[in-house]
Protein backbone atom coordinates (compact mmCIF):
# COMPACT_ATOMS: atom_id res chain seq x y z
CA UNK A 1 0.27 -0.19 -0.04
CA UNK A 2 1.33 3.53 -0.92
CA UNK A 3 2.22 5.64 2.10
CA UNK A 4 0.97 8.64 -0.25
CA UNK A 5 1.44 11.09 3.04
CA UNK A 6 5.22 9.96 3.64
CA UNK A 7 5.54 10.10 -0.02
CA UNK A 8 4.25 13.95 -0.22
CA UNK A 9 6.18 14.87 2.74
CA UNK A 10 9.52 13.52 1.18
CA UNK A 11 8.88 14.58 -2.14
CA UNK A 12 7.43 18.22 -1.77
CA UNK A 13 9.97 20.10 0.28
CA UNK A 14 11.26 23.56 0.50
CA UNK A 15 14.64 24.61 -1.77
CA UNK A 16 16.28 27.89 -2.27
CA UNK A 17 17.98 27.82 -5.51
CA UNK A 18 17.47 26.18 -8.44
CA UNK A 19 18.00 22.13 -6.75
CA UNK A 20 20.90 20.66 -9.07
CA UNK A 21 23.42 23.46 -8.26
CA UNK A 22 21.88 23.33 -4.76
CA UNK A 23 22.55 19.75 -4.87
CA UNK A 24 26.16 20.17 -5.85
CA UNK A 25 26.68 22.54 -3.39
CA UNK A 26 25.18 20.24 -0.38
CA UNK A 27 27.57 17.62 -1.38
CA UNK A 28 30.70 20.08 -1.02
CA UNK A 29 29.40 21.39 2.19
CA UNK A 30 29.43 17.55 3.46
CA UNK A 31 32.96 17.24 1.94
CA UNK A 32 34.23 20.52 3.36
CA UNK A 33 32.94 19.76 6.47
CA UNK A 34 35.37 16.69 6.77
CA UNK A 35 38.25 18.85 6.70
CA UNK A 36 40.31 20.36 9.32
CA UNK A 37 41.03 23.32 7.59
CA UNK A 38 39.67 25.88 4.42
CA UNK A 39 39.17 24.01 1.29
CA UNK A 40 42.15 24.70 -0.98
CA UNK A 41 40.51 23.01 -4.15
CA UNK A 42 37.22 21.34 -5.39
CA UNK A 43 37.08 18.70 -8.01
CA UNK A 44 34.03 17.60 -9.26
CA UNK A 45 32.65 14.92 -11.07
CA UNK A 46 28.97 15.33 -12.54
CA UNK A 47 26.53 13.26 -14.88
CA UNK A 48 25.34 14.82 -17.80
CA UNK A 49 22.30 16.07 -16.60
CA UNK A 50 23.83 17.93 -13.52
CA UNK A 51 26.25 19.94 -15.54
CA UNK A 52 23.46 20.43 -18.03
CA UNK A 53 21.23 21.70 -15.17
CA UNK A 54 23.67 23.82 -13.44
CA UNK A 55 25.32 25.14 -16.33
CA UNK A 56 23.74 28.76 -17.23
CA UNK A 57 21.40 29.17 -13.99
CA UNK A 58 21.45 32.16 -11.61
CA UNK A 59 22.92 31.70 -7.88
CA UNK A 60 21.22 33.42 -5.38
CA UNK A 61 22.45 36.03 -3.86
CA UNK A 62 25.76 35.92 -5.75
CA UNK A 63 24.83 37.70 -9.52
CA UNK A 64 26.27 34.76 -10.56
CA UNK A 65 25.55 31.79 -12.70
CA UNK A 66 26.70 28.09 -12.50
CA UNK A 67 28.34 25.29 -10.87
CA UNK A 68 31.47 27.01 -9.82
CA UNK A 69 30.29 29.85 -7.64
CA UNK A 70 27.82 27.18 -6.40
CA UNK A 71 30.22 24.53 -5.21
CA UNK A 72 32.58 27.43 -3.83
CA UNK A 73 29.77 28.49 -1.95
CA UNK A 74 29.16 24.83 -0.50
CA UNK A 75 32.93 24.58 0.48
CA UNK A 76 33.07 27.79 2.35
CA UNK A 77 29.32 27.81 3.97
CA UNK A 78 29.37 24.22 5.56
CA UNK A 79 25.78 23.99 6.62
CA UNK A 80 25.02 20.70 5.24
CA UNK A 81 22.42 20.19 7.82
CA UNK A 82 20.00 22.68 5.73
CA UNK A 83 20.23 20.29 3.13
CA UNK A 84 18.86 22.37 -0.07
CA UNK A 85 18.71 25.61 1.48
CA UNK A 86 22.22 25.04 2.18
CA UNK A 87 23.38 28.55 0.50
CA UNK A 88 20.59 30.81 2.45
CA UNK A 89 21.70 33.22 4.34
CA UNK A 90 25.33 33.13 3.64
CA UNK A 91 27.33 36.61 4.73
CA UNK A 92 29.18 39.06 2.31
CA UNK A 93 32.53 37.72 3.81
CA UNK A 94 31.42 34.08 2.84
CA UNK A 95 30.42 34.99 -0.64
CA UNK A 96 34.03 36.85 -1.13
CA UNK A 97 35.81 33.65 -0.09
CA UNK A 98 33.42 31.86 -2.53
CA UNK A 99 34.66 34.24 -5.38
CA UNK A 100 38.15 34.23 -4.50
CA UNK A 101 38.11 30.14 -4.81
CA UNK A 102 36.39 30.64 -8.12
CA UNK A 103 39.07 33.25 -9.42
CA UNK A 104 41.57 31.18 -8.21
CA UNK A 105 40.18 28.38 -10.55
CA UNK A 106 40.33 26.04 -7.35
CA UNK A 107 37.30 24.76 -8.62
CA UNK A 108 37.32 21.82 -11.63
CA UNK A 109 34.56 20.66 -13.13
CA UNK A 110 34.37 16.87 -15.17
CA UNK A 111 31.80 14.91 -16.70
CA UNK A 112 31.49 11.40 -15.38
CA UNK A 113 30.60 8.70 -17.70
CA UNK A 114 27.51 6.99 -15.87
CA UNK A 115 24.19 5.47 -16.59
CA UNK A 116 22.84 7.46 -14.10
CA UNK A 117 21.09 10.86 -14.56
CA UNK A 118 22.21 12.38 -11.34
CA UNK A 119 25.36 11.97 -9.96
CA UNK A 120 27.53 14.08 -8.04
CA UNK A 121 31.13 13.52 -6.84
CA UNK A 122 33.03 15.99 -4.89
CA UNK A 123 36.47 15.47 -3.78
CA UNK A 124 38.31 18.50 -1.36
CA UNK A 125 41.54 19.03 -0.03
CA UNK A 126 42.71 21.74 2.27
CA UNK A 127 46.44 20.69 1.82
CA UNK A 128 46.80 18.11 4.48
CA UNK A 129 43.11 16.67 4.65
CA UNK A 130 41.10 15.30 1.80
CA UNK A 131 37.69 14.21 1.43
CA UNK A 132 35.27 12.64 -1.08
CA UNK A 133 31.57 12.70 -1.47
CA UNK A 134 29.12 10.87 -3.58
CA UNK A 135 25.42 11.75 -4.36
CA UNK A 136 23.36 9.86 -6.28
CA UNK A 137 19.59 9.40 -8.20
CA UNK A 138 18.21 11.97 -5.35
CA UNK A 139 19.23 15.50 -4.71
CA UNK A 140 19.82 14.54 -1.07
CA UNK A 141 20.99 10.94 -1.38
CA UNK A 142 24.43 10.36 -0.06
CA UNK A 143 26.03 7.05 -0.54
CA UNK A 144 29.29 7.68 0.11
CA UNK A 145 31.33 9.85 2.68
CA UNK A 146 35.52 9.60 3.28
CA UNK A 147 37.94 11.52 5.18
CA UNK A 148 41.55 10.70 4.12
CA UNK A 149 40.50 7.44 2.68
CA UNK A 150 38.68 6.30 5.70
CA UNK A 151 34.77 5.52 4.79
CA UNK A 152 32.34 7.42 7.02
CA UNK A 153 29.46 6.46 5.06
CA UNK A 154 28.93 3.48 2.80
CA UNK A 155 25.10 3.42 1.18
CA UNK A 156 23.89 0.65 -1.15
CA UNK A 157 22.41 1.74 -4.62
CA UNK A 158 19.63 -0.51 -5.38
CA UNK A 159 19.91 -2.20 -8.63
CA UNK A 160 18.77 -1.24 -11.37
CA UNK A 161 20.45 1.37 -12.81
CA UNK A 162 19.45 4.74 -14.63
CA UNK A 163 16.93 7.02 -12.56
CA UNK A 164 13.75 5.05 -13.28
CA UNK A 165 12.37 4.49 -10.01
CA UNK A 166 9.23 2.71 -11.25
CA UNK A 167 7.47 0.60 -8.61
CA UNK A 168 5.78 3.08 -5.98
CA UNK A 169 2.56 1.81 -6.49
CA UNK A 170 1.14 4.75 -7.54
CA UNK A 171 -1.72 4.72 -10.30
CA UNK A 172 -4.14 7.21 -11.51
CA UNK A 173 -7.16 5.53 -9.79
CA UNK A 174 -5.39 5.36 -6.31
CA UNK A 175 -4.13 9.07 -6.48
CA UNK A 176 -7.67 10.17 -7.21
CA UNK A 177 -8.92 7.89 -4.41
CA UNK A 178 -6.33 9.47 -2.12
CA UNK A 179 -6.98 13.06 -3.00
CA UNK A 180 -10.64 13.08 -2.70
CA UNK A 181 -11.08 11.04 0.39
CA UNK A 182 -8.37 11.55 2.73
CA UNK A 183 -9.32 13.71 5.60
CA UNK A 184 -8.62 17.47 5.26
CA UNK A 185 -6.51 17.57 8.50
CA UNK A 186 -4.04 14.93 7.06
CA UNK A 187 -3.05 16.94 3.92
CA UNK A 188 -3.38 20.50 5.13
CA UNK A 189 0.69 20.73 4.96
CA UNK A 190 0.56 20.66 1.52
CA UNK A 191 -1.07 24.24 1.99
CA UNK A 192 2.43 25.67 3.06
CA UNK A 193 3.54 25.92 -0.32
CA UNK A 194 0.85 28.38 -0.89
CA UNK A 195 2.64 31.84 1.05
CA UNK A 196 6.15 30.14 0.05
CA UNK A 197 5.52 30.02 -3.93
CA UNK A 198 3.28 32.85 -4.01
CA UNK A 199 5.95 35.25 -2.30
CA UNK A 200 8.31 34.01 -5.09
CA UNK A 201 5.91 35.04 -7.90
CA UNK A 202 5.30 37.98 -6.78
CA UNK A 203 8.91 38.86 -6.56
CA UNK A 204 9.03 37.73 -10.23
CA UNK A 205 6.04 40.20 -11.15
CA UNK A 206 7.88 43.52 -9.53
CA UNK A 207 11.21 42.52 -10.41
CA UNK A 208 13.48 42.43 -13.74
CA UNK A 209 14.49 38.62 -13.74
CA UNK A 210 15.57 36.84 -16.83
CA UNK A 211 13.32 37.30 -19.96
CA UNK A 212 10.52 38.52 -17.33
CA UNK A 213 8.10 36.17 -19.52
CA UNK A 214 5.77 36.56 -16.22
CA UNK A 215 5.79 40.01 -15.74
CA UNK A 216 5.54 41.04 -19.41
CA UNK A 217 2.75 38.56 -19.93
CA UNK A 218 0.91 39.99 -16.87
CA UNK A 219 1.30 43.42 -18.45
CA UNK A 220 -0.26 42.42 -21.68
CA UNK A 221 -3.23 40.99 -20.18
CA UNK A 222 -5.43 44.25 -20.39
CA UNK A 223 -4.21 45.31 -23.61
CA UNK A 224 -4.83 42.04 -25.28
CA UNK A 225 -7.90 41.41 -23.21
CA UNK A 226 -10.23 41.20 -26.28
CA UNK A 227 -7.71 38.84 -28.07
CA UNK A 228 -7.02 36.39 -25.27
CA UNK A 229 -8.96 35.31 -22.15
CA UNK A 230 -7.39 37.17 -19.02
CA UNK A 231 -7.82 34.77 -16.50
CA UNK A 232 -5.67 32.44 -18.65
CA UNK A 233 -3.00 34.95 -19.08
CA UNK A 234 -3.19 35.74 -15.13
CA UNK A 235 -2.30 31.76 -14.64
CA UNK A 236 0.28 31.84 -17.13
CA UNK A 237 1.69 35.28 -15.76
CA UNK A 238 1.98 34.42 -11.73
CA UNK A 239 3.24 31.22 -12.74
CA UNK A 240 6.13 32.25 -14.92
CA UNK A 241 6.86 34.90 -13.09
CA UNK A 242 7.78 32.50 -9.92
CA UNK A 243 10.45 30.56 -12.58
CA UNK A 244 11.94 34.00 -13.67
CA UNK A 245 12.78 35.12 -10.14
CA UNK A 246 13.95 31.28 -9.41
CA UNK A 247 16.20 30.81 -12.00
CA UNK A 248 17.35 34.46 -12.30
CA UNK A 249 18.74 34.00 -8.46
CA UNK A 250 16.21 35.17 -6.75
CA UNK A 251 17.16 34.44 -2.85
CA UNK A 252 13.82 33.00 -1.83
CA UNK A 253 12.98 29.39 -1.06
CA UNK A 254 10.19 27.57 -3.23
CA UNK A 255 8.38 24.42 -2.51
CA UNK A 256 9.55 21.54 -5.19
CA UNK A 257 7.88 18.68 -6.18
CA UNK A 258 10.28 15.37 -6.94
CA UNK A 259 12.95 17.32 -6.69
CA UNK A 260 12.63 20.32 -8.76
CA UNK A 261 11.53 23.79 -7.83
CA UNK A 262 10.02 24.82 -11.21
CA UNK A 263 8.09 21.32 -10.97
CA UNK A 264 6.87 22.56 -7.79
CA UNK A 265 6.33 25.89 -9.45
CA UNK A 266 4.20 24.60 -12.24
CA UNK A 267 2.52 22.16 -10.66
CA UNK A 268 0.97 24.33 -7.84
CA UNK A 269 0.89 28.24 -8.91
CA UNK A 270 -2.18 27.83 -11.83
CA UNK A 271 -3.79 25.93 -8.78
CA UNK A 272 -3.17 28.49 -6.44
CA UNK A 273 -4.18 31.46 -8.77
CA UNK A 274 -7.43 29.72 -10.35
CA UNK A 275 -8.51 28.70 -6.81
CA UNK A 276 -8.28 32.18 -5.53
CA UNK A 277 -10.33 33.25 -8.65
CA UNK A 278 -13.25 30.86 -8.01
CA UNK A 279 -13.10 31.38 -4.38
CA UNK A 280 -12.70 27.65 -3.56
CA UNK A 281 -11.98 26.57 -0.20
CA UNK A 282 -8.72 25.61 1.76
CA UNK A 283 -9.87 22.10 1.69
CA UNK A 284 -10.56 22.03 -2.04
CA UNK A 285 -7.34 23.47 -2.94
CA UNK A 286 -5.57 21.38 -0.57
CA UNK A 287 -6.93 18.18 -2.62
CA UNK A 288 -6.14 19.84 -6.33
CA UNK A 289 -2.91 20.40 -4.83
CA UNK A 290 -2.14 16.70 -3.81
CA UNK A 291 -3.41 15.58 -6.65
CA UNK A 292 -1.33 17.42 -9.12
CA UNK A 293 1.93 16.69 -7.00
CA UNK A 294 0.85 13.11 -6.86
CA UNK A 295 0.06 13.06 -10.54
CA UNK A 296 3.69 14.65 -10.74
CA UNK A 297 5.50 11.93 -9.29
CA UNK A 298 3.73 9.08 -10.99
CA UNK A 299 5.06 10.58 -14.31
CA UNK A 300 8.05 11.36 -13.13
CA UNK A 301 8.61 7.67 -11.68
CA UNK A 302 8.75 6.83 -15.90
CA UNK A 303 10.43 9.85 -16.90
CA UNK A 304 13.23 9.82 -14.71
CA UNK A 305 14.36 12.44 -12.18
CA UNK A 306 16.00 14.08 -14.31
CA UNK A 307 15.69 13.51 -18.02
CA UNK A 308 16.02 14.88 -21.41
CA UNK A 309 12.38 15.79 -21.40
CA UNK A 310 10.86 18.91 -19.61
CA UNK A 311 9.44 17.69 -16.48
CA UNK A 312 8.13 21.35 -15.55
CA UNK A 313 6.61 21.83 -18.71
CA UNK A 314 4.82 18.07 -18.90
CA UNK A 315 4.97 16.70 -15.64
CA UNK A 316 4.28 20.15 -13.90
CA UNK A 317 1.55 20.99 -16.51
CA UNK A 318 -0.13 18.09 -16.57
CA UNK A 319 -0.43 17.85 -12.50
CA UNK A 320 -1.66 21.30 -12.70
CA UNK A 321 -3.79 20.28 -15.57
CA UNK A 322 -5.17 17.40 -13.14
CA UNK A 323 -5.92 20.21 -10.52
CA UNK A 324 -7.26 22.85 -12.68
CA UNK A 325 -10.19 20.04 -13.78
CA UNK A 326 -10.71 18.81 -10.39
CA UNK A 327 -11.01 22.76 -9.14
CA UNK A 328 -14.19 22.98 -12.05
CA UNK A 329 -15.73 20.10 -11.14
CA UNK A 330 -14.19 17.08 -13.10
CA UNK A 331 -14.10 13.44 -11.77
CA UNK A 332 -11.52 10.96 -12.61
CA UNK A 333 -12.84 10.57 -16.41
CA UNK A 334 -12.05 13.88 -16.89
CA UNK A 335 -8.68 13.82 -14.89
CA UNK A 336 -7.52 10.83 -17.17
CA UNK A 337 -8.41 12.90 -20.13
CA UNK A 338 -6.65 15.64 -19.26
CA UNK A 339 -3.62 13.76 -18.56
CA UNK A 340 -4.11 12.14 -22.34
CA UNK A 341 -4.57 15.54 -23.55
CA UNK A 342 -1.38 16.88 -21.81
CA UNK A 343 0.87 14.16 -22.98
CA UNK A 344 -0.35 13.95 -26.51
CA UNK A 345 0.50 17.91 -26.80
CA UNK A 346 3.45 18.41 -24.76
CA UNK A 347 5.58 15.03 -24.75
CA UNK A 348 8.24 16.06 -26.84
CA UNK A 349 9.28 19.26 -25.24
CA UNK A 350 12.92 18.75 -24.37
CA UNK A 351 14.88 20.04 -21.30
CA UNK A 352 17.94 22.12 -22.33
CA UNK A 353 19.39 22.65 -19.06
CA UNK A 354 17.96 25.02 -16.19
CA UNK A 355 17.98 28.76 -17.46
CA UNK A 356 15.73 31.73 -18.00
CA UNK A 357 13.94 30.30 -20.67
CA UNK A 358 12.27 27.25 -18.59
CA UNK A 359 9.76 30.53 -17.85
CA UNK A 360 8.65 30.07 -21.05
CA UNK A 361 8.28 26.47 -20.96
CA UNK A 362 6.70 26.88 -18.09
CA UNK A 363 4.32 29.73 -19.43
CA UNK A 364 3.27 27.03 -22.24
CA UNK A 365 2.84 23.99 -20.20
CA UNK A 366 0.47 26.20 -18.01
CA UNK A 367 -1.61 27.66 -21.09
CA UNK A 368 -2.04 24.06 -22.43
CA UNK A 369 -3.03 22.97 -18.99
CA UNK A 370 -6.11 25.25 -19.15
CA UNK A 371 -6.68 24.09 -23.00
CA UNK A 372 -6.15 20.55 -21.93
CA UNK A 373 -8.51 20.83 -18.88
CA UNK A 374 -10.85 22.58 -21.10
CA UNK A 375 -10.94 19.67 -23.18
CA UNK A 376 -11.38 17.26 -20.61
CA UNK A 377 -14.22 19.02 -19.26
CA UNK A 378 -15.89 18.83 -22.68
CA UNK A 379 -15.53 15.31 -22.82
CA UNK A 380 -13.00 15.67 -25.22
CA UNK A 381 -9.95 13.20 -25.49
CA UNK A 382 -7.36 11.77 -27.97
CA UNK A 383 -7.35 7.63 -28.01
CA UNK A 384 -5.10 4.75 -28.84
CA UNK A 385 -5.84 5.33 -32.44
CA UNK A 386 -3.76 8.72 -31.76
CA UNK A 387 0.07 8.23 -32.19
CA UNK A 388 1.75 7.18 -28.76
CA UNK A 389 -1.55 7.93 -26.74
CA UNK A 390 -3.82 5.07 -25.23
CA UNK A 391 -7.22 4.72 -23.95
CA UNK A 392 -5.94 4.35 -20.66
CA UNK A 393 -3.95 7.11 -19.17
CA UNK A 394 -1.99 4.61 -17.06
CA UNK A 395 -0.33 2.98 -20.01
CA UNK A 396 0.14 6.45 -21.97
CA UNK A 397 1.94 7.70 -18.71
CA UNK A 398 3.63 3.85 -18.57
CA UNK A 399 4.95 4.44 -22.00
CA UNK A 400 6.47 7.55 -21.17
CA UNK A 401 9.68 5.20 -19.65
CA UNK A 402 9.62 3.62 -23.07
CA UNK A 403 9.86 6.43 -25.08
CA UNK A 404 12.70 7.54 -22.73
CA UNK A 405 14.76 4.65 -22.60
CA UNK A 406 14.24 3.90 -26.31
CA UNK A 407 13.92 7.30 -27.88
CA UNK A 408 15.61 9.95 -26.00
CA UNK A 409 18.82 7.85 -25.12
CA UNK A 410 21.30 10.26 -26.72
CA UNK A 411 19.55 13.27 -26.54
CA UNK A 412 21.15 14.56 -23.15
CA UNK A 413 24.71 14.24 -24.70
CA UNK A 414 23.54 16.11 -27.51
CA UNK A 415 21.85 19.12 -25.92
CA UNK A 416 24.74 19.51 -23.47
CA UNK A 417 27.79 19.11 -26.82
CA UNK A 418 25.85 22.21 -28.10
CA UNK A 419 25.88 23.76 -24.26
CA UNK A 420 29.05 23.07 -24.11
CA UNK A 421 30.78 24.22 -27.73
CA UNK A 422 28.60 27.51 -27.15
CA UNK A 423 30.21 28.16 -23.81
CA UNK A 424 33.51 27.86 -25.46
CA UNK A 425 32.69 29.92 -28.25
CA UNK A 426 31.87 32.74 -25.87
CA UNK A 427 35.24 32.78 -24.06
């Protein structure tokens, strides 16, 4: 039997900054804590997905982007107990020390050849002591800690390889039954995401972050009201704005979902904003959010925690579509229609790293969620006659895993190659 509450409490957690560079900072922070002195050198071996998602994203409070400054801060800050909020509240002196490490070219990054989508290995030295930390499959899943060759932590990695963790027992039917019947008091904690993610959205609407996708969409709502539905623009605006702020290095935490802040943004803010517009009760909002989060986690079982496909647009957007459908009176049938509509529309959206244009994909996913919910509530959905869609949405989700394994095996390498080539050309 699925422990839904335990799963939600494990997977829906706060984080400050994009989770991939923050996970690197977390690993480095643990390694730095093993040293007797200050870290003098940081050597990283990272999977392609980690490099891709950490290469061009803003690091909160630094005005800088990328892996090197995140790792350097982790080495200086040494607060691994805060996990994915490890870089919250560092001092100007700590930032200066981290920048000095970067300027001294003391942070070295290499790609680790591995079948694991999420692999982080940090080796540090202070000139006397040496340490090594390995994180695999989950942003905080520490499997190895060493100090001067002595093994302090050695956790086995389950057999199976890759990042497909199929086997939680989630199904659309069980998710819907839980979300609609569980006692409200048992899931009221899910509402913790409302002030957290709303605050980041408001910051993105007011500040000049990234491409200002959310801010500009919101600014155009009044002028283009005759052409586009203002409610749709509002949902797109508040959701994309949070991603603008997060990718731009805004020093505020967000509630993540499945290890991703952008996924947490995409799966919650359209629902939060629609609930506000509809005057929905806290209980209805909580049930819609639980439904959304669990659908995201179910899809990510097959997509993989990190993948060549956009988790925020596809999984996050599909989750929010289910929550939007529920808030408008949709039942299990309409939820399944909504899932098939979303996957038929967005299945090919690639992930080319965490950066400003994530907000564009999240805006597109939110727009699509509203469209697909509208169609589902009108009894419209593709069938097994249509491409890779199955009559049963459960089968559609499962075959996402097959598409990943057989169709996108080399996609990440190609994407990363293009990104690194651009970086070299700009130097």
